[in-house]
Amino acid sequence: MRFSTATTLSALLAIGSVSASVLPRVLDNYDLAQPVAFEQREVAPTPAPAVEEREVPILQCAETPIKIGQLKLASASGREVSAAFEGLRNADGFQKLDVQKAGQSARFENFAFTACNSTFLGYLPEANKAAEVTYGRLQPAHLVGRRCVSADKLATADGRLIAAKCDPSDDSVQLTQFWSLTKQPAAEADKWEYYVNFLGSPAGETPDFPGSYTLSLAHKGANKLVQLNHSDEPGRRSAYYLKLDS
């Protein structure tokens, strides 16, 4: 048998088992239609944390390159092959430096070296009777100021050299884009050779950047890519070198 709420309450009052003072108040239609009032308090807004503005210095580079030439990968035995960006891309869409694409030797491509001064890295030009060393950017000659030969990652054994956007900030980003150019006498009289070397660390010895970088070849099917290797051994000799030919 089913009872309505009103019938049940009337029955309880009639038998005296419940007093009216302890019965819950039943809301009628009028009560249900009224808005519920809440106490409102003004809460002061939490101030946003102050953002410290830091001015990032700009890398200072010469207006024109000091050397333009075909980029070659030379082995320690003296064999040379052309190196170029030919459309082989990494997962981020950047072209990777290769010496062979689809079984064919890389085409000739001119690259430019532009002298730059990085306060963050701290390298200064050097010169003696044996060689002259300058520091700066290595770039495809037709993309000077737009694309720089850069490491896709640092301190690994399987890095690649990619055509990344040149970053003007003189800060840690230059670790991936800074190079040296060494000019030294060639075997022929009055001739010079120009070697470019990836740096990947600030000037001087620091425990934060141990070791050195060397070059090797990575075989990927019918393609051969220039591989950037990091070694914990400082000053380790490389089996390959990059150079700019006239």
C-alpha atoms as a PDB file:
ATOM      1  CA  MET A   1       0.000   0.000   0.000  1.00  0.00           C
ATOM      2  CA  ARG A   2       1.363   3.434  -0.955  1.00  0.00           C
ATOM      3  CA  PHE A   3       0.903   6.612   1.116  1.00  0.00           C
ATOM      4  CA  SER A   4       1.403  10.195   0.089  1.00  0.00           C
ATOM      5  CA  THR A   5       3.712  12.456   2.101  1.00  0.00           C
ATOM      6  CA  ALA A   6       0.762  14.468   3.465  1.00  0.00           C
ATOM      7  CA  THR A   7      -1.124  11.300   4.486  1.00  0.00           C
ATOM      8  CA  THR A   8       1.945   9.888   6.262  1.00  0.00           C
ATOM      9  CA  LEU A   9       2.570  13.084   8.267  1.00  0.00           C
ATOM     10  CA  SER A  10      -1.116  13.340   9.291  1.00  0.00           C
ATOM     11  CA  ALA A  11      -1.065   9.750  10.502  1.00  0.00           C
ATOM     12  CA  LEU A  12       2.106  10.297  12.567  1.00  0.00           C
ATOM     13  CA  LEU A  13       0.638  13.377  14.251  1.00  0.00           C
ATOM     14  CA  ALA A  14      -2.619  11.546  14.961  1.00  0.00           C
ATOM     15  CA  ILE A  15      -0.906   8.700  16.833  1.00  0.00           C
ATOM     16  CA  GLY A  16       1.409  11.055  18.708  1.00  0.00           C
ATOM     17  CA  SER A  17       4.579   9.300  17.685  1.00  0.00           C
ATOM     18  CA  VAL A  18       6.062  12.490  16.314  1.00  0.00           C
ATOM     19  CA  SER A  19       5.691  16.059  17.503  1.00  0.00           C
ATOM     20  CA  ALA A  20       5.197  18.852  15.004  1.00  0.00           C
ATOM     21  CA  SER A  21       8.276  20.676  16.317  1.00  0.00           C
ATOM     22  CA  VAL A  22      10.647  18.013  15.068  1.00  0.00           C
ATOM     23  CA  LEU A  23       9.087  17.419  11.694  1.00  0.00           C
ATOM     24  CA  PRO A  24      11.045  18.682   8.690  1.00  0.00           C
ATOM     25  CA  ARG A  25       9.437  21.619   6.947  1.00  0.00           C
ATOM     26  CA  VAL A  26       7.980  20.572   3.616  1.00  0.00           C
ATOM     27  CA  LEU A  27       8.602  23.138   0.882  1.00  0.00           C
ATOM     28  CA  ASP A  28       5.484  24.050  -1.043  1.00  0.00           C
ATOM     29  CA  ASN A  29       5.303  25.451  -4.569  1.00  0.00           C
ATOM     30  CA  TYR A  30       5.738  29.049  -3.365  1.00  0.00           C
ATOM     31  CA  ASP A  31       8.950  28.231  -1.514  1.00  0.00           C
ATOM     32  CA  LEU A  32      10.391  26.322  -4.437  1.00  0.00           C
ATOM     33  CA  ALA A  33       9.853  29.311  -6.710  1.00  0.00           C
ATOM     34  CA  GLN A  34      11.892  31.717  -4.561  1.00  0.00           C
ATOM     35  CA  PRO A  35      15.564  32.429  -5.325  1.00  0.00           C
ATOM     36  CA  VAL A  36      18.097  31.181  -2.810  1.00  0.00           C
ATOM     37  CA  ALA A  37      19.942  34.030  -1.132  1.00  0.00           C
ATOM     38  CA  PHE A  38      23.700  33.684  -0.565  1.00  0.00           C
ATOM     39  CA  GLU A  39      25.895  35.989   1.402  1.00  0.00           C
ATOM     40  CA  GLN A  40      28.175  37.824  -1.005  1.00  0.00           C
ATOM     41  CA  ARG A  41      31.666  38.830  -0.029  1.00  0.00           C
ATOM     42  CA  GLU A  42      34.064  40.898  -2.022  1.00  0.00           C
ATOM     43  CA  VAL A  43      37.263  38.981  -2.727  1.00  0.00           C
ATOM     44  CA  ALA A  44      40.306  40.950  -3.746  1.00  0.00           C
ATOM     45  CA  PRO A  45      41.789  39.637  -7.006  1.00  0.00           C
ATOM     46  CA  THR A  46      45.098  37.810  -6.682  1.00  0.00           C
ATOM     47  CA  PRO A  47      47.786  39.921  -8.318  1.00  0.00           C
ATOM     48  CA  ALA A  48      49.574  38.260 -11.223  1.00  0.00           C
ATOM     49  CA  PRO A  49      53.209  37.404 -10.546  1.00  0.00           C
ATOM     50  CA  ALA A  50      55.607  39.982 -11.869  1.00  0.00           C
ATOM     51  CA  VAL A  51      57.339  38.946 -15.099  1.00  0.00           C
ATOM     52  CA  GLU A  52      60.971  39.882 -15.202  1.00  0.00           C
ATOM     53  CA  GLU A  53      61.863  41.339 -18.571  1.00  0.00           C
ATOM     54  CA  ARG A  54      65.330  40.444 -19.766  1.00  0.00           C
ATOM     55  CA  GLU A  55      66.888  42.014 -22.804  1.00  0.00           C
ATOM     56  CA  VAL A  56      68.606  39.383 -24.937  1.00  0.00           C
ATOM     57  CA  PRO A  57      71.741  40.660 -26.701  1.00  0.00           C
ATOM     58  CA  ILE A  58      71.997  40.336 -30.471  1.00  0.00           C
ATOM     59  CA  LEU A  59      74.751  38.416 -32.234  1.00  0.00           C
ATOM     60  CA  GLN A  60      77.077  40.840 -34.013  1.00  0.00           C
ATOM     61  CA  CYS A  61      77.935  39.651 -37.540  1.00  0.00           C
ATOM     62  CA  ALA A  62      79.737  41.195 -40.507  1.00  0.00           C
ATOM     63  CA  GLU A  63      77.575  42.442 -43.363  1.00  0.00           C
ATOM     64  CA  THR A  64      79.304  40.301 -45.995  1.00  0.00           C
ATOM     65  CA  PRO A  65      80.854  36.802 -45.853  1.00  0.00           C
ATOM     66  CA  ILE A  66      84.612  36.483 -45.633  1.00  0.00           C
ATOM     67  CA  LYS A  67      84.664  33.233 -47.633  1.00  0.00           C
ATOM     68  CA  ILE A  68      82.362  31.608 -50.195  1.00  0.00           C
ATOM     69  CA  GLY A  69      83.095  28.221 -51.716  1.00  0.00           C
ATOM     70  CA  GLN A  70      81.842  24.732 -52.476  1.00  0.00           C
ATOM     71  CA  LEU A  71      81.333  22.694 -49.321  1.00  0.00           C
ATOM     72  CA  LYS A  72      83.339  19.464 -49.332  1.00  0.00           C
ATOM     73  CA  LEU A  73      83.607  16.591 -46.887  1.00  0.00           C
ATOM     74  CA  ALA A  74      87.241  15.483 -46.742  1.00  0.00           C
ATOM     75  CA  SER A  75      88.473  12.258 -45.185  1.00  0.00           C
ATOM     76  CA  ALA A  76      91.666  11.974 -43.188  1.00  0.00           C
ATOM     77  CA  SER A  77      93.156  10.119 -46.174  1.00  0.00           C
ATOM     78  CA  GLY A  78      92.531  13.144 -48.415  1.00  0.00           C
ATOM     79  CA  ARG A  79      89.486  11.971 -50.405  1.00  0.00           C
ATOM     80  CA  GLU A  80      86.902  14.730 -50.952  1.00  0.00           C
ATOM     81  CA  VAL A  81      83.203  14.627 -51.855  1.00  0.00           C
ATOM     82  CA  SER A  82      80.642  17.404 -52.202  1.00  0.00           C
ATOM     83  CA  ALA A  83      78.216  18.093 -49.356  1.00  0.00           C
ATOM     84  CA  ALA A  84      74.872  19.818 -49.903  1.00  0.00           C
ATOM     85  CA  PHE A  85      71.292  20.258 -48.780  1.00  0.00           C
ATOM     86  CA  GLU A  86      69.240  18.278 -51.315  1.00  0.00           C
ATOM     87  CA  GLY A  87      65.807  17.946 -49.767  1.00  0.00           C
ATOM     88  CA  LEU A  88      66.380  15.087 -47.315  1.00  0.00           C
ATOM     89  CA  ARG A  89      64.460  16.288 -44.262  1.00  0.00           C
ATOM     90  CA  ASN A  90      64.175  15.376 -40.601  1.00  0.00           C
ATOM     91  CA  ALA A  91      60.943  14.995 -38.621  1.00  0.00           C
ATOM     92  CA  ASP A  92      60.781  18.775 -38.100  1.00  0.00           C
ATOM     93  CA  GLY A  93      61.021  19.499 -41.823  1.00  0.00           C
ATOM     94  CA  PHE A  94      64.612  20.815 -41.859  1.00  0.00           C
ATOM     95  CA  GLN A  95      66.940  19.703 -44.651  1.00  0.00           C
ATOM     96  CA  LYS A  96      69.851  17.487 -43.615  1.00  0.00           C
ATOM     97  CA  LEU A  97      73.365  17.790 -45.017  1.00  0.00           C
ATOM     98  CA  ASP A  98      74.203  14.847 -47.280  1.00  0.00           C
ATOM     99  CA  VAL A  99      76.975  13.649 -49.567  1.00  0.00           C
ATOM    100  CA  GLN A 100      74.806  11.165 -51.470  1.00  0.00           C
ATOM    101  CA  LYS A 101      71.093  11.114 -52.319  1.00  0.00           C
ATOM    102  CA  ALA A 102      69.346   8.124 -53.911  1.00  0.00           C
ATOM    103  CA  GLY A 103      72.707   6.642 -54.861  1.00  0.00           C
ATOM    104  CA  GLN A 104      73.925   9.820 -56.597  1.00  0.00           C
ATOM    105  CA  SER A 105      76.777  11.985 -55.346  1.00  0.00           C
ATOM    106  CA  ALA A 106      75.712  15.308 -53.873  1.00  0.00           C
ATOM    107  CA  ARG A 107      75.610  18.275 -56.218  1.00  0.00           C
ATOM    108  CA  PHE A 108      77.955  21.234 -55.882  1.00  0.00           C
ATOM    109  CA  GLU A 109      76.575  23.857 -53.508  1.00  0.00           C
ATOM    110  CA  ASN A 110      78.247  27.080 -52.433  1.00  0.00           C
ATOM    111  CA  PHE A 111      78.330  27.965 -48.763  1.00  0.00           C
ATOM    112  CA  ALA A 112      79.343  31.217 -47.107  1.00  0.00           C
ATOM    113  CA  PHE A 113      81.175  31.857 -43.864  1.00  0.00           C
ATOM    114  CA  THR A 114      80.304  35.098 -42.081  1.00  0.00           C
ATOM    115  CA  ALA A 115      82.402  36.350 -39.164  1.00  0.00           C
ATOM    116  CA  CYS A 116      80.391  36.946 -35.970  1.00  0.00           C
ATOM    117  CA  ASN A 117      81.175  38.000 -32.422  1.00  0.00           C
ATOM    118  CA  SER A 118      79.343  36.116 -29.666  1.00  0.00           C
ATOM    119  CA  THR A 119      79.755  37.511 -26.167  1.00  0.00           C
ATOM    120  CA  PHE A 120      77.935  34.455 -24.809  1.00  0.00           C
ATOM    121  CA  LEU A 121      80.392  31.954 -26.335  1.00  0.00           C
ATOM    122  CA  GLY A 122      83.469  34.111 -25.877  1.00  0.00           C
ATOM    123  CA  TYR A 123      85.526  33.151 -28.939  1.00  0.00           C
ATOM    124  CA  LEU A 124      88.036  35.657 -30.320  1.00  0.00           C
ATOM    125  CA  PRO A 125      89.834  35.583 -33.691  1.00  0.00           C
ATOM    126  CA  GLU A 126      93.327  34.082 -33.627  1.00  0.00           C
ATOM    127  CA  ALA A 127      96.247  34.290 -36.013  1.00  0.00           C
ATOM    128  CA  ASN A 128      99.825  33.049 -36.213  1.00  0.00           C
ATOM    129  CA  LYS A 129     102.263  31.995 -38.922  1.00  0.00           C
ATOM    130  CA  ALA A 130     100.551  28.638 -39.361  1.00  0.00           C
ATOM    131  CA  ALA A 131      96.888  29.622 -39.541  1.00  0.00           C
ATOM    132  CA  GLU A 132      94.165  32.207 -39.074  1.00  0.00           C
ATOM    133  CA  VAL A 133      91.012  31.268 -37.153  1.00  0.00           C
ATOM    134  CA  THR A 134      87.745  33.205 -37.385  1.00  0.00           C
ATOM    135  CA  TYR A 135      84.412  32.432 -35.725  1.00  0.00           C
ATOM    136  CA  GLY A 136      80.867  32.819 -36.972  1.00  0.00           C
ATOM    137  CA  ARG A 137      78.135  31.327 -39.155  1.00  0.00           C
ATOM    138  CA  LEU A 138      78.225  28.747 -41.940  1.00  0.00           C
ATOM    139  CA  GLN A 139      75.321  29.277 -44.361  1.00  0.00           C
ATOM    140  CA  PRO A 140      74.102  28.263 -47.823  1.00  0.00           C
ATOM    141  CA  ALA A 141      75.403  31.103 -50.003  1.00  0.00           C
ATOM    142  CA  HIS A 142      71.968  31.904 -51.460  1.00  0.00           C
ATOM    143  CA  LEU A 143      70.369  32.013 -47.998  1.00  0.00           C
ATOM    144  CA  VAL A 144      72.812  34.198 -46.049  1.00  0.00           C
ATOM    145  CA  GLY A 145      71.101  35.599 -42.980  1.00  0.00           C
ATOM    146  CA  ARG A 146      68.146  33.242 -43.362  1.00  0.00           C
ATOM    147  CA  ARG A 147      69.487  29.703 -42.950  1.00  0.00           C
ATOM    148  CA  CYS A 148      72.445  28.527 -40.879  1.00  0.00           C
ATOM    149  CA  VAL A 149      74.113  25.134 -40.803  1.00  0.00           C
ATOM    150  CA  SER A 150      73.153  23.936 -37.323  1.00  0.00           C
ATOM    151  CA  ALA A 151      73.217  20.866 -35.116  1.00  0.00           C
ATOM    152  CA  ASP A 152      69.796  19.306 -34.691  1.00  0.00           C
ATOM    153  CA  LYS A 153      70.824  18.205 -31.181  1.00  0.00           C
ATOM    154  CA  LEU A 154      73.865  18.457 -28.937  1.00  0.00           C
ATOM    155  CA  ALA A 155      75.925  15.950 -26.956  1.00  0.00           C
ATOM    156  CA  THR A 156      74.737  12.858 -28.853  1.00  0.00           C
ATOM    157  CA  ALA A 157      76.490  10.302 -31.018  1.00  0.00           C
ATOM    158  CA  ASP A 158      74.053  10.563 -33.930  1.00  0.00           C
ATOM    159  CA  GLY A 159      73.407  14.252 -34.559  1.00  0.00           C
ATOM    160  CA  ARG A 160      72.719  15.753 -37.965  1.00  0.00           C
ATOM    161  CA  LEU A 161      73.680  19.045 -39.582  1.00  0.00           C
ATOM    162  CA  ILE A 162      70.540  20.839 -40.723  1.00  0.00           C
ATOM    163  CA  ALA A 163      69.575  24.067 -42.494  1.00  0.00           C
ATOM    164  CA  ALA A 164      67.871  25.775 -39.546  1.00  0.00           C
ATOM    165  CA  LYS A 165      66.701  29.363 -39.299  1.00  0.00           C
ATOM    166  CA  CYS A 166      69.492  31.717 -38.253  1.00  0.00           C
ATOM    167  CA  ASP A 167      68.797  32.912 -34.721  1.00  0.00           C
ATOM    168  CA  PRO A 168      70.039  36.443 -33.912  1.00  0.00           C
ATOM    169  CA  SER A 169      70.001  35.968 -30.122  1.00  0.00           C
ATOM    170  CA  ASP A 170      73.433  35.933 -28.539  1.00  0.00           C
ATOM    171  CA  ASP A 171      72.613  33.271 -25.964  1.00  0.00           C
ATOM    172  CA  SER A 172      72.661  29.483 -25.633  1.00  0.00           C
ATOM    173  CA  VAL A 173      71.034  29.012 -29.050  1.00  0.00           C
ATOM    174  CA  GLN A 174      74.426  29.841 -30.591  1.00  0.00           C
ATOM    175  CA  LEU A 175      75.736  26.531 -29.255  1.00  0.00           C
ATOM    176  CA  THR A 176      73.955  24.874 -32.188  1.00  0.00           C
ATOM    177  CA  GLN A 177      74.954  27.405 -34.884  1.00  0.00           C
ATOM    178  CA  PHE A 178      78.490  28.617 -34.209  1.00  0.00           C
ATOM    179  CA  TRP A 179      81.504  27.529 -36.264  1.00  0.00           C
ATOM    180  CA  SER A 180      85.176  28.250 -36.735  1.00  0.00           C
ATOM    181  CA  LEU A 181      86.914  28.890 -40.062  1.00  0.00           C
ATOM    182  CA  THR A 182      90.595  27.979 -40.208  1.00  0.00           C
ATOM    183  CA  LYS A 183      92.633  29.432 -43.064  1.00  0.00           C
ATOM    184  CA  GLN A 184      95.964  27.682 -43.568  1.00  0.00           C
ATOM    185  CA  PRO A 185      98.559  27.363 -46.344  1.00  0.00           C
ATOM    186  CA  ALA A 186      97.909  24.651 -48.930  1.00  0.00           C
ATOM    187  CA  ALA A 187     100.535  22.355 -50.398  1.00  0.00           C
ATOM    188  CA  GLU A 188     100.704  24.559 -53.493  1.00  0.00           C
ATOM    189  CA  ALA A 189     102.504  27.867 -53.196  1.00  0.00           C
ATOM    190  CA  ASP A 190     100.309  30.903 -52.606  1.00  0.00           C
ATOM    191  CA  LYS A 191      97.242  28.698 -52.113  1.00  0.00           C
ATOM    192  CA  TRP A 192      95.039  28.428 -49.052  1.00  0.00           C
ATOM    193  CA  GLU A 193      92.737  25.851 -47.557  1.00  0.00           C
ATOM    194  CA  TYR A 194      89.662  26.761 -45.542  1.00  0.00           C
ATOM    195  CA  TYR A 195      88.364  24.275 -42.965  1.00  0.00           C
ATOM    196  CA  VAL A 196      85.112  24.777 -41.059  1.00  0.00           C
ATOM    197  CA  ASN A 197      84.583  23.149 -37.688  1.00  0.00           C
ATOM    198  CA  PHE A 198      81.470  22.851 -35.536  1.00  0.00           C
ATOM    199  CA  LEU A 199      82.094  24.062 -31.965  1.00  0.00           C
ATOM    200  CA  GLY A 200      79.095  23.201 -29.760  1.00  0.00           C
ATOM    201  CA  SER A 201      80.556  24.710 -26.576  1.00  0.00           C
ATOM    202  CA  PRO A 202      81.768  28.049 -25.184  1.00  0.00           C
ATOM    203  CA  ALA A 203      85.418  29.053 -25.365  1.00  0.00           C
ATOM    204  CA  GLY A 204      87.698  27.547 -22.733  1.00  0.00           C
ATOM    205  CA  GLU A 205      87.309  24.395 -20.702  1.00  0.00           C
ATOM    206  CA  THR A 206      84.140  24.096 -18.644  1.00  0.00           C
ATOM    207  CA  PRO A 207      82.662  21.086 -16.807  1.00  0.00           C
ATOM    208  CA  ASP A 208      79.234  21.929 -18.231  1.00  0.00           C
ATOM    209  CA  PHE A 209      80.419  21.205 -21.787  1.00  0.00           C
ATOM    210  CA  PRO A 210      82.920  18.334 -21.693  1.00  0.00           C
ATOM    211  CA  GLY A 211      84.278  16.560 -24.741  1.00  0.00           C
ATOM    212  CA  SER A 212      84.347  17.513 -28.414  1.00  0.00           C
ATOM    213  CA  TYR A 213      82.634  16.878 -31.758  1.00  0.00           C
ATOM    214  CA  THR A 214      83.726  14.845 -34.760  1.00  0.00           C
ATOM    215  CA  LEU A 215      82.169  13.985 -38.130  1.00  0.00           C
ATOM    216  CA  SER A 216      81.294  10.664 -39.715  1.00  0.00           C
ATOM    217  CA  LEU A 217      78.933   9.269 -42.361  1.00  0.00           C
ATOM    218  CA  ALA A 218      75.497   7.808 -41.648  1.00  0.00           C
ATOM    219  CA  HIS A 219      74.227   5.358 -44.283  1.00  0.00           C
ATOM    220  CA  LYS A 220      70.441   5.441 -44.699  1.00  0.00           C
ATOM    221  CA  GLY A 221      69.486   3.202 -47.600  1.00  0.00           C
ATOM    222  CA  ALA A 222      70.803   4.832 -50.773  1.00  0.00           C
ATOM    223  CA  ASN A 223      71.516   8.081 -48.906  1.00  0.00           C
ATOM    224  CA  LYS A 224      74.642   9.138 -47.048  1.00  0.00           C
ATOM    225  CA  LEU A 225      74.291  11.871 -44.435  1.00  0.00           C
ATOM    226  CA  VAL A 226      76.910  13.860 -42.560  1.00  0.00           C
ATOM    227  CA  GLN A 227      76.715  12.747 -38.936  1.00  0.00           C
ATOM    228  CA  LEU A 228      77.762  14.866 -35.959  1.00  0.00           C
ATOM    229  CA  ASN A 229      79.255  12.801 -33.144  1.00  0.00           C
ATOM    230  CA  HIS A 230      79.893  13.952 -29.595  1.00  0.00           C
ATOM    231  CA  SER A 231      82.721  12.353 -27.643  1.00  0.00           C
ATOM    232  CA  ASP A 232      83.587  12.776 -23.973  1.00  0.00           C
ATOM    233  CA  GLU A 233      87.226  12.860 -25.052  1.00  0.00           C
ATOM    234  CA  PRO A 234      88.372  16.470 -25.554  1.00  0.00           C
ATOM    235  CA  GLY A 235      90.248  17.185 -28.771  1.00  0.00           C
ATOM    236  CA  ARG A 236      89.436  13.834 -30.346  1.00  0.00           C
ATOM    237  CA  ARG A 237      90.586  13.609 -33.966  1.00  0.00           C
ATOM    238  CA  SER A 238      87.869  13.324 -36.586  1.00  0.00           C
ATOM    239  CA  ALA A 239      87.855  10.917 -39.515  1.00  0.00           C
ATOM    240  CA  TYR A 240      86.225  13.610 -41.678  1.00  0.00           C
ATOM    241  CA  TYR A 241      86.443  17.379 -42.057  1.00  0.00           C
ATOM    242  CA  LEU A 242      84.361  20.021 -43.801  1.00  0.00           C
ATOM    243  CA  LYS A 243      86.101  22.566 -45.998  1.00  0.00           C
ATOM    244  CA  LEU A 244      85.253  25.371 -48.411  1.00  0.00           C
ATOM    245  CA  ASP A 245      86.843  25.111 -51.846  1.00  0.00           C
ATOM    246  CA  SER A 246      87.351  28.074 -54.143  1.00  0.00           C
END
